[in-house]
Amino acid sequence: MKINRREDRSASPVESQAVGPVKRTLAQDLFDGVAPSYDTWAQVLTVFQYLRWREFLVSRMALPPGNLVLDVCTGTAGVAMEIADHHDGRIVGLDVSHSMLQAGLRALEKKNLDGRVQLVQGRAEHLPFPDETFDAVVFTYLLRYVQDPDATIRELSRVLKPGGKLLSLEFDIPEALWMRALWELHNRVVMPIMTIPVSRSWHRMGCFLGPSISDFCKRYPVERLAAIWRENRIPLVETRRLLQGAAIVMWGTKRR
């Protein structure tokens, strides 16, 4: 489902790619309800680190002018806009939530970026693009919402050109005991309580995030994720932990 309203055929060579019906997912159920206020509360719930993490992620990209970038799990197009602010290229943002994409489109129009950024509704597990289409692929907070993270990373690598860069931003669990204790307090107690007066949808999100992050990190620690990247032609994976390990950025280059 294409979200852009403008009929600018020069915006991206993948505009004409057909996107089939999107099966309803947990991510859609969660994010459709919080889309209008997502950017505000994403900042609050990450102790005002969300924008800093996003900026660091994009700082790991080195793109010549005119490159084509895929931003998966684009949500309200925050990362796509950050890329557009720092790189003279074209961006395709893909997300499963129509409501998040609508919010993203409004943000793009305010910044006059809807000519450079195309938004598409679709699933990361089944990307509607040909092999080796993009010069860089970036994804944020994605793998906790897919059934098969291994297959999803393989799909992301499929659409990435050899020599292109794969980058990700995800929540993590701090290693230091004192920081982990604060992390547990924030995610298990503070977020569920502070989201009660916001809305029912945000309270559901506040209760969901802590257990979701904890469970995923136990099943897919950083070392396992890096191994999956290497198995999919991303041999040298670099990582940087942010806020004492509350988030992690990973990046690597696809083997030619």
C-alpha atoms as a PDB file:
ATOM      1  CA  MET A   1       0.000   0.000   0.000  1.00  0.00           C
ATOM      2  CA  LYS A   2       1.643   3.266  -1.082  1.00  0.00           C
ATOM      3  CA  ILE A   3       1.156   6.157   1.335  1.00  0.00           C
ATOM      4  CA  ASN A   4       2.637   9.107  -0.547  1.00  0.00           C
ATOM      5  CA  ARG A   5       0.050  11.444  -2.084  1.00  0.00           C
ATOM      6  CA  ARG A   6       2.357  13.118  -4.558  1.00  0.00           C
ATOM      7  CA  GLU A   7       2.662  11.621  -8.018  1.00  0.00           C
ATOM      8  CA  ASP A   8       6.416  12.280  -8.309  1.00  0.00           C
ATOM      9  CA  ARG A   9       7.714   9.497 -10.516  1.00  0.00           C
ATOM     10  CA  SER A  10      11.304  10.625 -10.078  1.00  0.00           C
ATOM     11  CA  ALA A  11      11.233  10.162  -6.314  1.00  0.00           C
ATOM     12  CA  SER A  12      12.243   6.486  -6.295  1.00  0.00           C
ATOM     13  CA  PRO A  13      12.731   3.658  -8.785  1.00  0.00           C
ATOM     14  CA  VAL A  14      10.767   1.336  -6.514  1.00  0.00           C
ATOM     15  CA  GLU A  15       7.571   3.433  -6.432  1.00  0.00           C
ATOM     16  CA  SER A  16       5.846   1.108  -8.862  1.00  0.00           C
ATOM     17  CA  GLN A  17       6.526  -2.004  -6.778  1.00  0.00           C
ATOM     18  CA  ALA A  18       3.202  -3.632  -5.870  1.00  0.00           C
ATOM     19  CA  VAL A  19       2.548  -4.289  -2.209  1.00  0.00           C
ATOM     20  CA  GLY A  20       0.055  -7.001  -1.352  1.00  0.00           C
ATOM     21  CA  PRO A  21      -2.427  -7.026   1.531  1.00  0.00           C
ATOM     22  CA  VAL A  22      -0.787  -6.784   4.949  1.00  0.00           C
ATOM     23  CA  LYS A  23      -1.925  -9.399   7.451  1.00  0.00           C
ATOM     24  CA  ARG A  24      -2.900  -7.938  10.813  1.00  0.00           C
ATOM     25  CA  THR A  25      -0.021  -8.234  13.294  1.00  0.00           C
ATOM     26  CA  LEU A  26       0.744  -7.537  16.951  1.00  0.00           C
ATOM     27  CA  ALA A  27       2.789  -4.511  15.876  1.00  0.00           C
ATOM     28  CA  GLN A  28      -0.202  -3.040  14.067  1.00  0.00           C
ATOM     29  CA  ASP A  29      -2.461  -3.567  17.072  1.00  0.00           C
ATOM     30  CA  LEU A  30       0.057  -1.879  19.375  1.00  0.00           C
ATOM     31  CA  PHE A  31       1.194   1.019  17.233  1.00  0.00           C
ATOM     32  CA  ASP A  32      -2.040   1.991  15.504  1.00  0.00           C
ATOM     33  CA  GLY A  33      -3.362   3.152  18.859  1.00  0.00           C
ATOM     34  CA  VAL A  34      -0.368   5.311  19.775  1.00  0.00           C
ATOM     35  CA  ALA A  35       0.536   6.785  16.371  1.00  0.00           C
ATOM     36  CA  PRO A  36      -0.762  10.369  16.914  1.00  0.00           C
ATOM     37  CA  SER A  37       1.414  10.919  20.002  1.00  0.00           C
ATOM     38  CA  TYR A  38       4.181   8.412  19.289  1.00  0.00           C
ATOM     39  CA  ASP A  39       7.096  10.824  18.871  1.00  0.00           C
ATOM     40  CA  THR A  40       6.328  12.696  22.088  1.00  0.00           C
ATOM     41  CA  TRP A  41       5.968   9.635  24.269  1.00  0.00           C
ATOM     42  CA  ALA A  42       8.867   7.780  22.653  1.00  0.00           C
ATOM     43  CA  GLN A  43      11.041  10.602  23.962  1.00  0.00           C
ATOM     44  CA  VAL A  44       9.498  10.565  27.412  1.00  0.00           C
ATOM     45  CA  LEU A  45       9.590   6.793  27.895  1.00  0.00           C
ATOM     46  CA  THR A  46      13.243   6.570  26.827  1.00  0.00           C
ATOM     47  CA  VAL A  47      14.215   9.268  29.343  1.00  0.00           C
ATOM     48  CA  PHE A  48      14.655  11.708  26.435  1.00  0.00           C
ATOM     49  CA  GLN A  49      17.222   9.517  24.682  1.00  0.00           C
ATOM     50  CA  TYR A  50      15.159   8.504  21.644  1.00  0.00           C
ATOM     51  CA  LEU A  51      16.345  11.342  19.386  1.00  0.00           C
ATOM     52  CA  ARG A  52      19.975  10.956  20.478  1.00  0.00           C
ATOM     53  CA  TRP A  53      19.929   7.244  19.692  1.00  0.00           C
ATOM     54  CA  ARG A  54      18.422   7.957  16.300  1.00  0.00           C
ATOM     55  CA  GLU A  55      21.076  10.572  15.548  1.00  0.00           C
ATOM     56  CA  PHE A  56      23.880   8.180  16.470  1.00  0.00           C
ATOM     57  CA  LEU A  57      22.409   5.460  14.272  1.00  0.00           C
ATOM     58  CA  VAL A  58      22.338   7.757  11.247  1.00  0.00           C
ATOM     59  CA  SER A  59      25.867   8.998  12.034  1.00  0.00           C
ATOM     60  CA  ARG A  60      27.143   5.480  11.263  1.00  0.00           C
ATOM     61  CA  MET A  61      26.006   5.896   7.641  1.00  0.00           C
ATOM     62  CA  ALA A  62      28.427   7.172   4.991  1.00  0.00           C
ATOM     63  CA  LEU A  63      26.524   7.601   1.737  1.00  0.00           C
ATOM     64  CA  PRO A  64      27.582   9.255  -1.508  1.00  0.00           C
ATOM     65  CA  PRO A  65      25.000  11.602  -3.074  1.00  0.00           C
ATOM     66  CA  GLY A  66      22.101   9.952  -4.830  1.00  0.00           C
ATOM     67  CA  ASN A  67      22.097   6.707  -2.863  1.00  0.00           C
ATOM     68  CA  LEU A  68      18.863   4.831  -2.179  1.00  0.00           C
ATOM     69  CA  VAL A  69      18.127   3.874   1.435  1.00  0.00           C
ATOM     70  CA  LEU A  70      15.490   1.543   2.879  1.00  0.00           C
ATOM     71  CA  ASP A  71      14.243   2.401   6.377  1.00  0.00           C
ATOM     72  CA  VAL A  72      12.389  -0.628   7.749  1.00  0.00           C
ATOM     73  CA  CYS A  73      10.023  -0.202  10.694  1.00  0.00           C
ATOM     74  CA  THR A  74      10.032   3.489   9.817  1.00  0.00           C
ATOM     75  CA  GLY A  75       6.996   4.261  11.975  1.00  0.00           C
ATOM     76  CA  THR A  76       6.425   8.023  11.872  1.00  0.00           C
ATOM     77  CA  ALA A  77       9.428   8.388   9.517  1.00  0.00           C
ATOM     78  CA  GLY A  78      11.724   9.802  12.193  1.00  0.00           C
ATOM     79  CA  VAL A  79      14.813   7.896  11.051  1.00  0.00           C
ATOM     80  CA  ALA A  80      13.974   8.569   7.398  1.00  0.00           C
ATOM     81  CA  MET A  81      13.851  12.308   8.106  1.00  0.00           C
ATOM     82  CA  GLU A  82      17.110  12.123  10.045  1.00  0.00           C
ATOM     83  CA  ILE A  83      18.737  10.432   7.053  1.00  0.00           C
ATOM     84  CA  ALA A  84      17.310  13.062   4.718  1.00  0.00           C
ATOM     85  CA  ASP A  85      18.729  15.822   6.936  1.00  0.00           C
ATOM     86  CA  HIS A  86      22.266  14.434   6.674  1.00  0.00           C
ATOM     87  CA  HIS A  87      22.466  12.670   3.312  1.00  0.00           C
ATOM     88  CA  ASP A  88      21.626  13.738  -0.220  1.00  0.00           C
ATOM     89  CA  GLY A  89      19.829  10.572  -1.183  1.00  0.00           C
ATOM     90  CA  ARG A  90      16.399   9.046  -1.531  1.00  0.00           C
ATOM     91  CA  ILE A  91      14.693   7.067   1.200  1.00  0.00           C
ATOM     92  CA  VAL A  92      11.956   4.451   1.173  1.00  0.00           C
ATOM     93  CA  GLY A  93      10.297   4.000   4.571  1.00  0.00           C
ATOM     94  CA  LEU A  94       8.395   0.758   5.166  1.00  0.00           C
ATOM     95  CA  ASP A  95       6.156  -0.069   8.108  1.00  0.00           C
ATOM     96  CA  VAL A  96       3.333  -2.464   8.897  1.00  0.00           C
ATOM     97  CA  SER A  97       1.171   0.164  10.649  1.00  0.00           C
ATOM     98  CA  HIS A  98      -0.940   2.369   8.384  1.00  0.00           C
ATOM     99  CA  SER A  99      -1.648   4.805  11.227  1.00  0.00           C
ATOM    100  CA  MET A 100       2.060   5.281  11.936  1.00  0.00           C
ATOM    101  CA  LEU A 101       2.709   5.892   8.245  1.00  0.00           C
ATOM    102  CA  GLN A 102      -0.071   8.475   8.097  1.00  0.00           C
ATOM    103  CA  ALA A 103       1.555  10.295  11.012  1.00  0.00           C
ATOM    104  CA  GLY A 104       4.878  10.002   9.197  1.00  0.00           C
ATOM    105  CA  LEU A 105       3.418  11.463   6.026  1.00  0.00           C
ATOM    106  CA  ARG A 106       2.144  14.501   7.918  1.00  0.00           C
ATOM    107  CA  ALA A 107       5.623  15.015   9.396  1.00  0.00           C
ATOM    108  CA  LEU A 108       7.246  14.692   5.971  1.00  0.00           C
ATOM    109  CA  GLU A 109       4.879  17.236   4.468  1.00  0.00           C
ATOM    110  CA  LYS A 110       5.652  19.734   7.232  1.00  0.00           C
ATOM    111  CA  LYS A 111       9.371  19.430   6.411  1.00  0.00           C
ATOM    112  CA  ASN A 112       8.782  19.357   2.643  1.00  0.00           C
ATOM    113  CA  LEU A 113      10.465  15.957   2.462  1.00  0.00           C
ATOM    114  CA  ASP A 114       7.610  13.936   0.968  1.00  0.00           C
ATOM    115  CA  GLY A 115       9.261  14.297  -2.440  1.00  0.00           C
ATOM    116  CA  ARG A 116      12.455  12.574  -1.248  1.00  0.00           C
ATOM    117  CA  VAL A 117      10.915  10.020   1.116  1.00  0.00           C
ATOM    118  CA  GLN A 118       8.423   7.426  -0.072  1.00  0.00           C
ATOM    119  CA  LEU A 119       6.347   5.577   2.520  1.00  0.00           C
ATOM    120  CA  VAL A 120       5.117   2.045   1.876  1.00  0.00           C
ATOM    121  CA  GLN A 121       3.037  -0.282   4.029  1.00  0.00           C
ATOM    122  CA  GLY A 122       4.451  -3.774   4.163  1.00  0.00           C
ATOM    123  CA  ARG A 123       6.168  -6.433   6.262  1.00  0.00           C
ATOM    124  CA  ALA A 124       9.897  -6.770   6.810  1.00  0.00           C
ATOM    125  CA  GLU A 125       9.618 -10.549   6.412  1.00  0.00           C
ATOM    126  CA  HIS A 126       8.378 -10.127   2.815  1.00  0.00           C
ATOM    127  CA  LEU A 127       9.876  -6.977   1.338  1.00  0.00           C
ATOM    128  CA  PRO A 128       8.233  -5.886  -1.940  1.00  0.00           C
ATOM    129  CA  PHE A 129      11.536  -5.025  -3.628  1.00  0.00           C
ATOM    130  CA  PRO A 130      13.917  -6.836  -6.021  1.00  0.00           C
ATOM    131  CA  ASP A 131      17.252  -8.281  -4.915  1.00  0.00           C
ATOM    132  CA  GLU A 132      20.099  -5.832  -4.332  1.00  0.00           C
ATOM    133  CA  THR A 133      17.975  -2.683  -4.693  1.00  0.00           C
ATOM    134  CA  PHE A 134      19.290  -0.474  -1.877  1.00  0.00           C
ATOM    135  CA  ASP A 135      22.646   1.097  -1.067  1.00  0.00           C
ATOM    136  CA  ALA A 136      21.842   0.964   2.659  1.00  0.00           C
ATOM    137  CA  VAL A 137      19.178  -0.724   4.786  1.00  0.00           C
ATOM    138  CA  VAL A 138      18.400   0.483   8.294  1.00  0.00           C
ATOM    139  CA  PHE A 139      15.908  -0.967  10.766  1.00  0.00           C
ATOM    140  CA  THR A 140      14.829   0.108  14.243  1.00  0.00           C
ATOM    141  CA  TYR A 141      13.043  -1.795  17.027  1.00  0.00           C
ATOM    142  CA  LEU A 142      11.987  -4.431  14.511  1.00  0.00           C
ATOM    143  CA  LEU A 143      13.045  -7.933  15.452  1.00  0.00           C
ATOM    144  CA  ARG A 144      10.876  -8.260  18.563  1.00  0.00           C
ATOM    145  CA  TYR A 145       7.803  -8.057  16.335  1.00  0.00           C
ATOM    146  CA  VAL A 146       8.631 -10.690  13.723  1.00  0.00           C
ATOM    147  CA  GLN A 147       8.116 -14.422  14.057  1.00  0.00           C
ATOM    148  CA  ASP A 148      11.504 -15.381  12.593  1.00  0.00           C
ATOM    149  CA  PRO A 149      14.339 -12.854  13.178  1.00  0.00           C
ATOM    150  CA  ASP A 150      16.811 -15.068  11.255  1.00  0.00           C
ATOM    151  CA  ALA A 151      14.630 -15.077   8.132  1.00  0.00           C
ATOM    152  CA  THR A 152      13.930 -11.356   8.499  1.00  0.00           C
ATOM    153  CA  ILE A 153      17.632 -10.465   8.547  1.00  0.00           C
ATOM    154  CA  ARG A 154      18.107 -12.706   5.515  1.00  0.00           C
ATOM    155  CA  GLU A 155      15.350 -10.758   3.747  1.00  0.00           C
ATOM    156  CA  LEU A 156      16.923  -7.426   4.692  1.00  0.00           C
ATOM    157  CA  SER A 157      20.265  -8.615   3.325  1.00  0.00           C
ATOM    158  CA  ARG A 158      18.579  -9.794   0.132  1.00  0.00           C
ATOM    159  CA  VAL A 159      17.516  -6.288  -0.907  1.00  0.00           C
ATOM    160  CA  LEU A 160      20.873  -4.753   0.069  1.00  0.00           C
ATOM    161  CA  LYS A 161      23.492  -4.253  -2.634  1.00  0.00           C
ATOM    162  CA  PRO A 162      26.925  -5.867  -2.177  1.00  0.00           C
ATOM    163  CA  GLY A 163      29.102  -3.263  -0.494  1.00  0.00           C
ATOM    164  CA  GLY A 164      26.010  -1.655   1.053  1.00  0.00           C
ATOM    165  CA  LYS A 165      25.613  -1.085   4.773  1.00  0.00           C
ATOM    166  CA  LEU A 166      23.091  -2.717   7.126  1.00  0.00           C
ATOM    167  CA  LEU A 167      22.354  -0.818  10.348  1.00  0.00           C
ATOM    168  CA  SER A 168      20.039  -1.365  13.305  1.00  0.00           C
ATOM    169  CA  LEU A 169      18.922   0.226  16.558  1.00  0.00           C
ATOM    170  CA  GLU A 170      17.298  -1.902  19.240  1.00  0.00           C
ATOM    171  CA  PHE A 171      16.642  -1.853  22.957  1.00  0.00           C
ATOM    172  CA  ASP A 172      18.970  -3.927  25.127  1.00  0.00           C
ATOM    173  CA  ILE A 173      19.492  -4.800  28.783  1.00  0.00           C
ATOM    174  CA  PRO A 174      22.317  -3.045  30.660  1.00  0.00           C
ATOM    175  CA  GLU A 175      25.126  -5.247  31.991  1.00  0.00           C
ATOM    176  CA  ALA A 176      26.071  -3.222  35.095  1.00  0.00           C
ATOM    177  CA  LEU A 177      24.008  -4.365  38.074  1.00  0.00           C
ATOM    178  CA  TRP A 178      23.104  -0.849  39.232  1.00  0.00           C
ATOM    179  CA  MET A 179      21.949   0.156  35.760  1.00  0.00           C
ATOM    180  CA  ARG A 180      20.063  -3.089  35.283  1.00  0.00           C
ATOM    181  CA  ALA A 181      18.197  -2.445  38.534  1.00  0.00           C
ATOM    182  CA  LEU A 182      17.183   1.008  37.277  1.00  0.00           C
ATOM    183  CA  TRP A 183      16.254  -0.518  33.921  1.00  0.00           C
ATOM    184  CA  GLU A 184      13.992  -3.075  35.616  1.00  0.00           C
ATOM    185  CA  LEU A 185      12.358  -0.381  37.753  1.00  0.00           C
ATOM    186  CA  HIS A 186      11.720   1.854  34.764  1.00  0.00           C
ATOM    187  CA  ASN A 187      10.431  -0.846  32.431  1.00  0.00           C
ATOM    188  CA  ARG A 188       8.471  -2.974  34.884  1.00  0.00           C
ATOM    189  CA  VAL A 189       7.063  -0.319  37.204  1.00  0.00           C
ATOM    190  CA  VAL A 190       7.454   3.259  35.977  1.00  0.00           C
ATOM    191  CA  MET A 191       6.262   2.838  32.386  1.00  0.00           C
ATOM    192  CA  PRO A 192       3.132   0.826  33.232  1.00  0.00           C
ATOM    193  CA  ILE A 193       2.147   3.406  35.869  1.00  0.00           C
ATOM    194  CA  MET A 194       2.985   6.617  34.015  1.00  0.00           C
ATOM    195  CA  THR A 195       1.094   5.539  30.884  1.00  0.00           C
ATOM    196  CA  ILE A 196      -2.191   4.927  32.745  1.00  0.00           C
ATOM    197  CA  PRO A 197      -3.415   8.534  32.457  1.00  0.00           C
ATOM    198  CA  VAL A 198      -2.209   8.904  28.858  1.00  0.00           C
ATOM    199  CA  SER A 199      -4.504   6.415  27.135  1.00  0.00           C
ATOM    200  CA  ARG A 200      -5.500   2.768  27.160  1.00  0.00           C
ATOM    201  CA  SER A 201      -3.303   2.157  24.113  1.00  0.00           C
ATOM    202  CA  TRP A 202      -0.254   3.724  25.744  1.00  0.00           C
ATOM    203  CA  HIS A 203      -0.845   1.799  28.965  1.00  0.00           C
ATOM    204  CA  ARG A 204      -0.902  -1.398  26.945  1.00  0.00           C
ATOM    205  CA  MET A 205       2.388  -0.346  25.356  1.00  0.00           C
ATOM    206  CA  GLY A 206       3.872   0.562  28.727  1.00  0.00           C
ATOM    207  CA  CYS A 207       3.041  -2.881  30.105  1.00  0.00           C
ATOM    208  CA  PHE A 208       4.256  -4.647  26.968  1.00  0.00           C
ATOM    209  CA  LEU A 209       7.693  -3.150  26.405  1.00  0.00           C
ATOM    210  CA  GLY A 210       9.624  -4.364  29.464  1.00  0.00           C
ATOM    211  CA  PRO A 211       8.720  -8.075  29.210  1.00  0.00           C
ATOM    212  CA  SER A 212       9.055  -7.956  25.423  1.00  0.00           C
ATOM    213  CA  ILE A 213      12.583  -6.514  25.521  1.00  0.00           C
ATOM    214  CA  SER A 214      13.699  -8.860  28.294  1.00  0.00           C
ATOM    215  CA  ASP A 215      12.374 -11.954  26.533  1.00  0.00           C
ATOM    216  CA  PHE A 216      13.903 -11.038  23.191  1.00  0.00           C
ATOM    217  CA  CYS A 217      17.324 -10.230  24.650  1.00  0.00           C
ATOM    218  CA  LYS A 218      17.422 -13.612  26.388  1.00  0.00           C
ATOM    219  CA  ARG A 219      16.583 -15.436  23.148  1.00  0.00           C
ATOM    220  CA  TYR A 220      18.671 -13.244  20.867  1.00  0.00           C
ATOM    221  CA  PRO A 221      21.682 -11.768  22.690  1.00  0.00           C
ATOM    222  CA  VAL A 222      23.934  -9.469  20.699  1.00  0.00           C
ATOM    223  CA  GLU A 223      26.401 -12.261  19.950  1.00  0.00           C
ATOM    224  CA  ARG A 224      23.684 -14.360  18.336  1.00  0.00           C
ATOM    225  CA  LEU A 225      22.401 -11.442  16.288  1.00  0.00           C
ATOM    226  CA  ALA A 226      25.921 -10.678  15.059  1.00  0.00           C
ATOM    227  CA  ALA A 227      26.292 -14.333  14.056  1.00  0.00           C
ATOM    228  CA  ILE A 228      23.047 -14.147  12.042  1.00  0.00           C
ATOM    229  CA  TRP A 229      24.352 -11.037  10.284  1.00  0.00           C
ATOM    230  CA  ARG A 230      27.584 -12.865   9.402  1.00  0.00           C
ATOM    231  CA  GLU A 231      25.619 -15.822   8.055  1.00  0.00           C
ATOM    232  CA  ASN A 232      23.875 -13.390   5.700  1.00  0.00           C
ATOM    233  CA  ARG A 233      26.977 -11.842   4.118  1.00  0.00           C
ATOM    234  CA  ILE A 234      27.564  -9.109   6.715  1.00  0.00           C
ATOM    235  CA  PRO A 235      30.952 -10.378   7.959  1.00  0.00           C
ATOM    236  CA  LEU A 236      32.252  -7.485  10.084  1.00  0.00           C
ATOM    237  CA  VAL A 237      29.594  -6.379  12.555  1.00  0.00           C
ATOM    238  CA  GLU A 238      30.329  -3.391  14.777  1.00  0.00           C
ATOM    239  CA  THR A 239      28.288  -2.489  17.842  1.00  0.00           C
ATOM    240  CA  ARG A 240      27.908   0.442  20.207  1.00  0.00           C
ATOM    241  CA  ARG A 241      25.957   0.306  23.449  1.00  0.00           C
ATOM    242  CA  LEU A 242      24.119   3.498  24.390  1.00  0.00           C
ATOM    243  CA  LEU A 243      22.958   4.745  27.798  1.00  0.00           C
ATOM    244  CA  GLN A 244      24.945   2.094  29.670  1.00  0.00           C
ATOM    245  CA  GLY A 245      23.522  -0.634  27.426  1.00  0.00           C
ATOM    246  CA  ALA A 246      19.834   0.329  27.414  1.00  0.00           C
ATOM    247  CA  ALA A 247      20.061   0.449  23.621  1.00  0.00           C
ATOM    248  CA  ILE A 248      22.464  -0.927  21.046  1.00  0.00           C
ATOM    249  CA  VAL A 249      23.383   0.131  17.520  1.00  0.00           C
ATOM    250  CA  MET A 250      24.788  -2.481  15.123  1.00  0.00           C
ATOM    251  CA  TRP A 251      26.219  -1.926  11.646  1.00  0.00           C
ATOM    252  CA  GLY A 252      28.159  -3.801   8.996  1.00  0.00           C
ATOM    253  CA  THR A 253      28.874  -3.956   5.269  1.00  0.00           C
ATOM    254  CA  LYS A 254      27.556  -6.641   2.938  1.00  0.00           C
ATOM    255  CA  ARG A 255      30.255  -8.763   1.333  1.00  0.00           C
ATOM    256  CA  ARG A 256      30.743  -8.204  -2.376  1.00  0.00           C
END
